[in-house]
Amino acid sequence: MNTRPLALLRRSAGAVMLVVLGLALVTLGNFTAVTAAQLGVAGATDRDRGLASAMYFSAYYVAGALGAYLPGLAWPSWNWTGVWALAAAAYLIGFAAIVATRATVADPRATCAPDLSERV
């Protein structure tokens, strides 16, 4: 019986535990963020909540599919540099979308319907 894998595991037990802890924290953060986003989408509108949720889930799964597929296309040509550049570009696109959205909706009250109850 070959005991080299067990010896390697014993020597790197600390590093393995750090990796497991890191993966657990990333998983916890991911599920927390997804739940918060779902609640935020539902709470962002008073009508058409189903449509808002459908649009959110569509964007979520399309982005997830592209995030799994596109790095596979970048890998054969550019290896980790291409995968890293693709991830950086995705973050920049998301950041630009946040900045653009905040610039167009500077005052959230401006998008609400006017209060006509005070008119005579």
Protein backbone atom coordinates (compact mmCIF):
# COMPACT_ATOMS: atom_id res chain seq x y z
CA MET A 1 0.00 0.00 0.00
CA ASN A 2 1.32 3.42 -0.99
CA THR A 3 1.30 5.78 2.01
CA ARG A 4 2.70 8.84 0.24
CA PRO A 5 -0.70 10.55 -0.17
CA LEU A 6 -1.37 10.18 3.56
CA ALA A 7 2.05 11.57 4.44
CA LEU A 8 1.48 14.51 2.11
CA LEU A 9 -1.91 15.16 3.68
CA ARG A 10 -0.38 15.09 7.17
CA ARG A 11 2.33 17.57 6.19
CA SER A 12 -0.09 19.96 4.52
CA ALA A 13 -2.98 19.64 6.99
CA GLY A 14 -2.70 23.29 8.03
CA ALA A 15 -2.87 24.52 4.46
CA VAL A 16 -5.78 22.21 3.67
CA MET A 17 -7.68 23.50 6.68
CA LEU A 18 -7.10 27.11 5.55
CA VAL A 19 -8.39 26.28 2.09
CA VAL A 20 -11.47 24.56 3.54
CA LEU A 21 -12.10 27.53 5.84
CA GLY A 22 -11.72 29.96 2.93
CA LEU A 23 -14.12 27.96 0.77
CA ALA A 24 -16.64 27.85 3.62
CA LEU A 25 -16.45 31.63 4.05
CA VAL A 26 -16.84 32.26 0.31
CA THR A 27 -19.83 29.91 0.22
CA LEU A 28 -21.41 31.62 3.22
CA GLY A 29 -20.88 35.04 1.64
CA ASN A 30 -22.29 33.89 -1.68
CA PHE A 31 -25.50 32.47 -0.23
CA THR A 32 -25.92 35.52 2.02
CA ALA A 33 -25.51 37.92 -0.91
CA VAL A 34 -27.89 35.96 -3.16
CA THR A 35 -30.57 35.93 -0.46
CA ALA A 36 -30.11 39.65 0.23
CA ALA A 37 -30.36 40.41 -3.50
CA GLN A 38 -33.57 38.39 -3.84
CA LEU A 39 -35.10 40.24 -0.90
CA GLY A 40 -33.89 43.56 -2.30
CA VAL A 41 -35.47 42.90 -5.69
CA ALA A 42 -38.77 41.99 -4.09
CA GLY A 43 -38.69 45.04 -1.83
CA ALA A 44 -37.65 47.48 -4.56
CA THR A 45 -41.05 47.63 -6.19
CA ASP A 46 -44.67 47.63 -5.10
CA ARG A 47 -46.02 46.15 -8.31
CA ASP A 48 -44.87 43.54 -10.79
CA ARG A 49 -42.73 41.78 -8.21
CA GLY A 50 -42.95 38.60 -10.22
CA LEU A 51 -41.56 40.35 -13.28
CA ALA A 52 -38.77 41.92 -11.22
CA SER A 53 -37.85 38.54 -9.75
CA ALA A 54 -37.97 36.88 -13.17
CA MET A 55 -35.65 39.53 -14.61
CA TYR A 56 -33.27 39.14 -11.67
CA PHE A 57 -33.16 35.35 -11.93
CA SER A 58 -32.72 35.51 -15.72
CA ALA A 59 -29.77 37.87 -15.36
CA TYR A 60 -28.37 35.77 -12.50
CA TYR A 61 -28.39 32.50 -14.44
CA VAL A 62 -27.24 34.01 -17.75
CA ALA A 63 -24.32 35.71 -15.97
CA GLY A 64 -23.52 32.46 -14.16
CA ALA A 65 -23.54 30.51 -17.41
CA LEU A 66 -21.32 33.06 -19.13
CA GLY A 67 -19.03 33.14 -16.11
CA ALA A 68 -18.56 29.40 -16.41
CA TYR A 69 -18.28 29.28 -20.22
CA LEU A 70 -16.15 32.29 -21.19
CA PRO A 71 -13.10 31.50 -19.01
CA GLY A 72 -12.99 28.13 -20.75
CA LEU A 73 -12.60 29.97 -24.05
CA ALA A 74 -9.91 32.27 -22.65
CA TRP A 75 -7.83 29.45 -21.15
CA PRO A 76 -6.47 27.76 -24.33
CA SER A 77 -5.05 31.00 -25.72
CA TRP A 78 -4.01 33.02 -22.66
CA ASN A 79 -3.99 30.59 -19.69
CA TRP A 80 -4.44 32.22 -16.26
CA THR A 81 -3.72 35.68 -17.66
CA GLY A 82 -6.76 35.44 -19.91
CA VAL A 83 -8.97 34.08 -17.15
CA TRP A 84 -7.81 36.83 -14.80
CA ALA A 85 -8.35 39.54 -17.44
CA LEU A 86 -11.85 38.22 -18.14
CA ALA A 87 -12.71 38.28 -14.43
CA ALA A 88 -11.33 41.82 -14.09
CA ALA A 89 -13.36 42.93 -17.13
CA ALA A 90 -16.52 41.44 -15.61
CA TYR A 91 -15.92 43.36 -12.36
CA LEU A 92 -15.31 46.58 -14.31
CA ILE A 93 -18.54 46.12 -16.29
CA GLY A 94 -20.47 45.55 -13.07
CA PHE A 95 -18.88 48.58 -11.43
CA ALA A 96 -19.66 50.73 -14.50
CA ALA A 97 -23.29 49.55 -14.38
CA ILE A 98 -23.54 50.55 -10.71
CA VAL A 99 -22.03 53.97 -11.38
CA ALA A 100 -24.30 54.54 -14.39
CA THR A 101 -27.38 53.49 -12.44
CA ARG A 102 -26.57 55.76 -9.53
CA ALA A 103 -25.97 58.67 -11.90
CA THR A 104 -29.39 58.31 -13.54
CA VAL A 105 -31.29 57.82 -10.29
CA ALA A 106 -29.71 60.44 -8.06
CA ASP A 107 -32.95 61.10 -6.17
CA PRO A 108 -35.11 57.99 -5.71
CA ARG A 109 -38.13 60.17 -4.92
CA ALA A 110 -37.91 61.68 -8.41
CA THR A 111 -38.99 58.35 -9.94
CA CYS A 112 -42.15 58.12 -7.81
CA ALA A 113 -45.50 59.27 -9.06
CA PRO A 114 -46.43 62.77 -7.93
CA ASP A 115 -48.79 63.18 -4.97
CA LEU A 116 -52.02 64.50 -6.50
CA SER A 117 -54.01 64.43 -3.27
CA GLU A 118 -53.12 68.05 -2.39
CA ARG A 119 -54.54 69.49 -5.62
CA VAL A 120 -57.96 71.06 -5.46
